Amino acid sequence: MDTLEPHLNALAATLGLPALTLDAQGLRSIALDHQHVIHVQTDPRTQDVVLYAVAGQLPPGAGMAETLLRANRFWRGTGGATLSLDDNARVILARRLSAVALTPAQFCDAFTGFVDQLHHWAGQIGAQAPARSPGMGQFA
């Protein structure tokens, strides 16, 4: 998507990364640290960009689910993003942005705000997660 190229160039400069390009499906994944990967996906029909990432595994019980739903109300607790669950009960944070309506600098600001929300919600979810049993590895 040509419209997004200046935005990706600005984001690469902001993050100190080499040039960011999209694959044939209009997707780019950016690993920020050892825990979080943010996916940048374009929608060619609308020229929108969707940022999304896994914030964590939903802990058992209704407490965190209620907290997530309250945060979604009018997007006030998510900085304009949406929290949802995938089929494996992983909490997904997503935000749709208009590449046409945003300048590259505004896109970078929106991306940074999304990262802040991701870290916030990953921390909230992690604080509610049960302790892992030793030796359970990825199956805990």
C-alpha atoms as a PDB file:
ATOM      1  CA  MET A   1       0.000   0.000   0.000  1.00  0.00           C
ATOM      2  CA  ASP A   2       1.735   3.152  -1.226  1.00  0.00           C
ATOM      3  CA  THR A   3      -0.246   5.347   1.148  1.00  0.00           C
ATOM      4  CA  LEU A   4       1.377   3.624   4.115  1.00  0.00           C
ATOM      5  CA  GLU A   5       4.996   3.805   2.945  1.00  0.00           C
ATOM      6  CA  PRO A   6       5.786   7.224   4.520  1.00  0.00           C
ATOM      7  CA  HIS A   7       4.129   6.058   7.747  1.00  0.00           C
ATOM      8  CA  LEU A   8       6.237   2.893   7.867  1.00  0.00           C
ATOM      9  CA  ASN A   9       9.392   4.883   7.097  1.00  0.00           C
ATOM     10  CA  ALA A  10       8.636   7.265   9.969  1.00  0.00           C
ATOM     11  CA  LEU A  11       7.881   4.348  12.290  1.00  0.00           C
ATOM     12  CA  ALA A  12      11.140   2.608  11.377  1.00  0.00           C
ATOM     13  CA  ALA A  13      13.050   5.814  12.121  1.00  0.00           C
ATOM     14  CA  THR A  14      11.204   6.249  15.437  1.00  0.00           C
ATOM     15  CA  LEU A  15      11.915   2.653  16.504  1.00  0.00           C
ATOM     16  CA  GLY A  16      15.490   2.665  15.214  1.00  0.00           C
ATOM     17  CA  LEU A  17      14.744  -0.172  12.798  1.00  0.00           C
ATOM     18  CA  PRO A  18      15.729  -0.714   9.181  1.00  0.00           C
ATOM     19  CA  ALA A  19      13.072   0.028   6.570  1.00  0.00           C
ATOM     20  CA  LEU A  20       9.722  -1.618   7.262  1.00  0.00           C
ATOM     21  CA  THR A  21       7.876  -3.158   4.348  1.00  0.00           C
ATOM     22  CA  LEU A  22       4.674  -5.162   4.077  1.00  0.00           C
ATOM     23  CA  ASP A  23       4.507  -8.694   2.732  1.00  0.00           C
ATOM     24  CA  ALA A  24       2.226  -9.754  -0.135  1.00  0.00           C
ATOM     25  CA  GLN A  25      -0.731  -9.993   2.268  1.00  0.00           C
ATOM     26  CA  GLY A  26      -0.153  -6.455   3.559  1.00  0.00           C
ATOM     27  CA  LEU A  27       1.228  -7.651   6.904  1.00  0.00           C
ATOM     28  CA  ARG A  28       4.297  -6.709   8.920  1.00  0.00           C
ATOM     29  CA  SER A  29       5.143  -8.086  12.366  1.00  0.00           C
ATOM     30  CA  ILE A  30       7.372  -6.045  14.658  1.00  0.00           C
ATOM     31  CA  ALA A  31       8.975  -7.720  17.678  1.00  0.00           C
ATOM     32  CA  LEU A  32       9.356  -5.057  20.347  1.00  0.00           C
ATOM     33  CA  ASP A  33      10.831  -7.186  23.081  1.00  0.00           C
ATOM     34  CA  HIS A  34      10.989 -10.826  24.095  1.00  0.00           C
ATOM     35  CA  GLN A  35       7.276 -10.888  24.942  1.00  0.00           C
ATOM     36  CA  HIS A  36       5.380  -8.700  22.502  1.00  0.00           C
ATOM     37  CA  VAL A  37       4.951  -8.723  18.757  1.00  0.00           C
ATOM     38  CA  ILE A  38       2.797  -6.061  17.132  1.00  0.00           C
ATOM     39  CA  HIS A  39       1.259  -6.919  13.785  1.00  0.00           C
ATOM     40  CA  VAL A  40       0.550  -4.167  11.269  1.00  0.00           C
ATOM     41  CA  GLN A  41      -2.110  -5.324   8.773  1.00  0.00           C
ATOM     42  CA  THR A  42      -3.509  -3.233   5.940  1.00  0.00           C
ATOM     43  CA  ASP A  43      -7.059  -3.325   4.631  1.00  0.00           C
ATOM     44  CA  PRO A  44      -6.803  -2.412   0.939  1.00  0.00           C
ATOM     45  CA  ARG A  45     -10.555  -1.823   0.673  1.00  0.00           C
ATOM     46  CA  THR A  46     -10.552   1.018   3.202  1.00  0.00           C
ATOM     47  CA  GLN A  47      -6.847   1.957   3.239  1.00  0.00           C
ATOM     48  CA  ASP A  48      -6.996   1.426   7.002  1.00  0.00           C
ATOM     49  CA  VAL A  49      -4.260  -0.142   9.073  1.00  0.00           C
ATOM     50  CA  VAL A  50      -4.987  -2.507  11.943  1.00  0.00           C
ATOM     51  CA  LEU A  51      -2.484  -2.839  14.765  1.00  0.00           C
ATOM     52  CA  TYR A  52      -2.931  -5.967  16.861  1.00  0.00           C
ATOM     53  CA  ALA A  53      -1.032  -7.980  19.448  1.00  0.00           C
ATOM     54  CA  VAL A  54      -1.535 -10.668  22.062  1.00  0.00           C
ATOM     55  CA  ALA A  55      -1.630  -9.084  25.520  1.00  0.00           C
ATOM     56  CA  GLY A  56      -1.746 -12.389  27.406  1.00  0.00           C
ATOM     57  CA  GLN A  57      -3.756 -15.444  28.327  1.00  0.00           C
ATOM     58  CA  LEU A  58      -7.116 -14.779  29.990  1.00  0.00           C
ATOM     59  CA  PRO A  59      -6.855 -15.996  33.594  1.00  0.00           C
ATOM     60  CA  PRO A  60      -9.610 -18.260  34.938  1.00  0.00           C
ATOM     61  CA  GLY A  61     -12.592 -16.647  36.649  1.00  0.00           C
ATOM     62  CA  ALA A  62     -14.775 -13.726  35.711  1.00  0.00           C
ATOM     63  CA  GLY A  63     -12.721 -10.936  37.306  1.00  0.00           C
ATOM     64  CA  MET A  64     -10.370 -10.140  34.438  1.00  0.00           C
ATOM     65  CA  ALA A  65     -13.053 -10.658  31.783  1.00  0.00           C
ATOM     66  CA  GLU A  66     -15.199  -8.056  33.539  1.00  0.00           C
ATOM     67  CA  THR A  67     -12.242  -5.674  33.740  1.00  0.00           C
ATOM     68  CA  LEU A  68     -11.602  -6.080  29.996  1.00  0.00           C
ATOM     69  CA  LEU A  69     -15.241  -5.448  29.146  1.00  0.00           C
ATOM     70  CA  ARG A  70     -15.337  -2.312  31.270  1.00  0.00           C
ATOM     71  CA  ALA A  71     -12.164  -1.032  29.583  1.00  0.00           C
ATOM     72  CA  ASN A  72     -13.769  -1.566  26.155  1.00  0.00           C
ATOM     73  CA  ARG A  73     -16.724   0.679  27.033  1.00  0.00           C
ATOM     74  CA  PHE A  74     -16.422   3.603  24.615  1.00  0.00           C
ATOM     75  CA  TRP A  75     -12.709   2.693  24.258  1.00  0.00           C
ATOM     76  CA  ARG A  76     -11.900   4.816  27.320  1.00  0.00           C
ATOM     77  CA  GLY A  77      -9.779   2.255  29.102  1.00  0.00           C
ATOM     78  CA  THR A  78      -7.916   1.144  25.992  1.00  0.00           C
ATOM     79  CA  GLY A  79      -6.724   4.362  24.367  1.00  0.00           C
ATOM     80  CA  GLY A  80      -9.017   3.820  21.394  1.00  0.00           C
ATOM     81  CA  ALA A  81      -8.146   0.141  20.950  1.00  0.00           C
ATOM     82  CA  THR A  82     -10.382  -2.877  21.475  1.00  0.00           C
ATOM     83  CA  LEU A  83      -9.779  -5.913  23.673  1.00  0.00           C
ATOM     84  CA  SER A  84     -11.086  -9.296  22.551  1.00  0.00           C
ATOM     85  CA  LEU A  85     -10.455 -13.020  22.918  1.00  0.00           C
ATOM     86  CA  ASP A  86      -9.266 -15.422  20.267  1.00  0.00           C
ATOM     87  CA  ASP A  87     -10.292 -19.093  20.129  1.00  0.00           C
ATOM     88  CA  ASN A  88      -7.533 -20.005  22.605  1.00  0.00           C
ATOM     89  CA  ALA A  89      -8.622 -17.452  25.252  1.00  0.00           C
ATOM     90  CA  ARG A  90      -5.717 -15.164  24.442  1.00  0.00           C
ATOM     91  CA  VAL A  91      -6.480 -11.481  24.964  1.00  0.00           C
ATOM     92  CA  ILE A  92      -5.985  -9.515  21.753  1.00  0.00           C
ATOM     93  CA  LEU A  93      -5.540  -5.759  21.705  1.00  0.00           C
ATOM     94  CA  ALA A  94      -6.397  -4.206  18.326  1.00  0.00           C
ATOM     95  CA  ARG A  95      -6.737  -0.717  16.912  1.00  0.00           C
ATOM     96  CA  ARG A  96      -7.862   0.423  13.461  1.00  0.00           C
ATOM     97  CA  LEU A  97      -6.211   3.570  12.074  1.00  0.00           C
ATOM     98  CA  SER A  98      -6.744   5.505   8.876  1.00  0.00           C
ATOM     99  CA  ALA A  99      -3.460   5.867   7.011  1.00  0.00           C
ATOM    100  CA  VAL A 100      -5.115   8.482   4.806  1.00  0.00           C
ATOM    101  CA  ALA A 101      -6.275  10.640   7.719  1.00  0.00           C
ATOM    102  CA  LEU A 102      -3.055  10.468   9.756  1.00  0.00           C
ATOM    103  CA  THR A 103       0.266  12.089   9.038  1.00  0.00           C
ATOM    104  CA  PRO A 104       3.314   9.856   9.486  1.00  0.00           C
ATOM    105  CA  ALA A 105       4.047  11.617  12.805  1.00  0.00           C
ATOM    106  CA  GLN A 106       0.480  11.035  14.018  1.00  0.00           C
ATOM    107  CA  PHE A 107       0.748   7.385  12.965  1.00  0.00           C
ATOM    108  CA  CYS A 108       3.933   7.036  15.043  1.00  0.00           C
ATOM    109  CA  ASP A 109       2.181   8.642  18.018  1.00  0.00           C
ATOM    110  CA  ALA A 110      -0.765   6.255  17.612  1.00  0.00           C
ATOM    111  CA  PHE A 111       1.629   3.296  17.389  1.00  0.00           C
ATOM    112  CA  THR A 112       3.449   4.432  20.542  1.00  0.00           C
ATOM    113  CA  GLY A 113       0.121   4.829  22.349  1.00  0.00           C
ATOM    114  CA  PHE A 114      -0.840   1.321  21.239  1.00  0.00           C
ATOM    115  CA  VAL A 115       2.434  -0.049  22.638  1.00  0.00           C
ATOM    116  CA  ASP A 116       1.731   1.729  25.940  1.00  0.00           C
ATOM    117  CA  GLN A 117      -1.739   0.136  26.066  1.00  0.00           C
ATOM    118  CA  LEU A 118      -0.282  -3.272  25.220  1.00  0.00           C
ATOM    119  CA  HIS A 119       2.203  -3.046  28.079  1.00  0.00           C
ATOM    120  CA  HIS A 120      -0.508  -1.842  30.445  1.00  0.00           C
ATOM    121  CA  TRP A 121      -2.918  -4.666  29.613  1.00  0.00           C
ATOM    122  CA  ALA A 122      -0.193  -7.311  29.528  1.00  0.00           C
ATOM    123  CA  GLY A 123       0.731  -6.193  33.044  1.00  0.00           C
ATOM    124  CA  GLN A 124      -2.888  -6.255  34.210  1.00  0.00           C
ATOM    125  CA  ILE A 125      -3.470  -9.709  32.763  1.00  0.00           C
ATOM    126  CA  GLY A 126      -0.154 -11.022  34.097  1.00  0.00           C
ATOM    127  CA  ALA A 127      -0.949  -9.728  37.581  1.00  0.00           C
ATOM    128  CA  GLN A 128      -4.204 -11.729  37.534  1.00  0.00           C
ATOM    129  CA  ALA A 129      -2.746 -14.921  36.056  1.00  0.00           C
ATOM    130  CA  PRO A 130      -2.305 -17.884  38.413  1.00  0.00           C
ATOM    131  CA  ALA A 131       1.228 -18.867  39.303  1.00  0.00           C
ATOM    132  CA  ARG A 132       2.671 -21.469  36.954  1.00  0.00           C
ATOM    133  CA  SER A 133       3.610 -24.833  38.361  1.00  0.00           C
ATOM    134  CA  PRO A 134       7.290 -25.732  37.983  1.00  0.00           C
ATOM    135  CA  GLY A 135       7.953 -28.059  35.080  1.00  0.00           C
ATOM    136  CA  MET A 136       4.703 -27.342  33.255  1.00  0.00           C
ATOM    137  CA  GLY A 137       6.426 -25.282  30.541  1.00  0.00           C
ATOM    138  CA  GLN A 138       4.214 -24.036  27.728  1.00  0.00           C
ATOM    139  CA  PHE A 139       1.310 -26.253  28.784  1.00  0.00           C
ATOM    140  CA  ALA A 140       0.646 -24.402  32.042  1.00  0.00           C
END
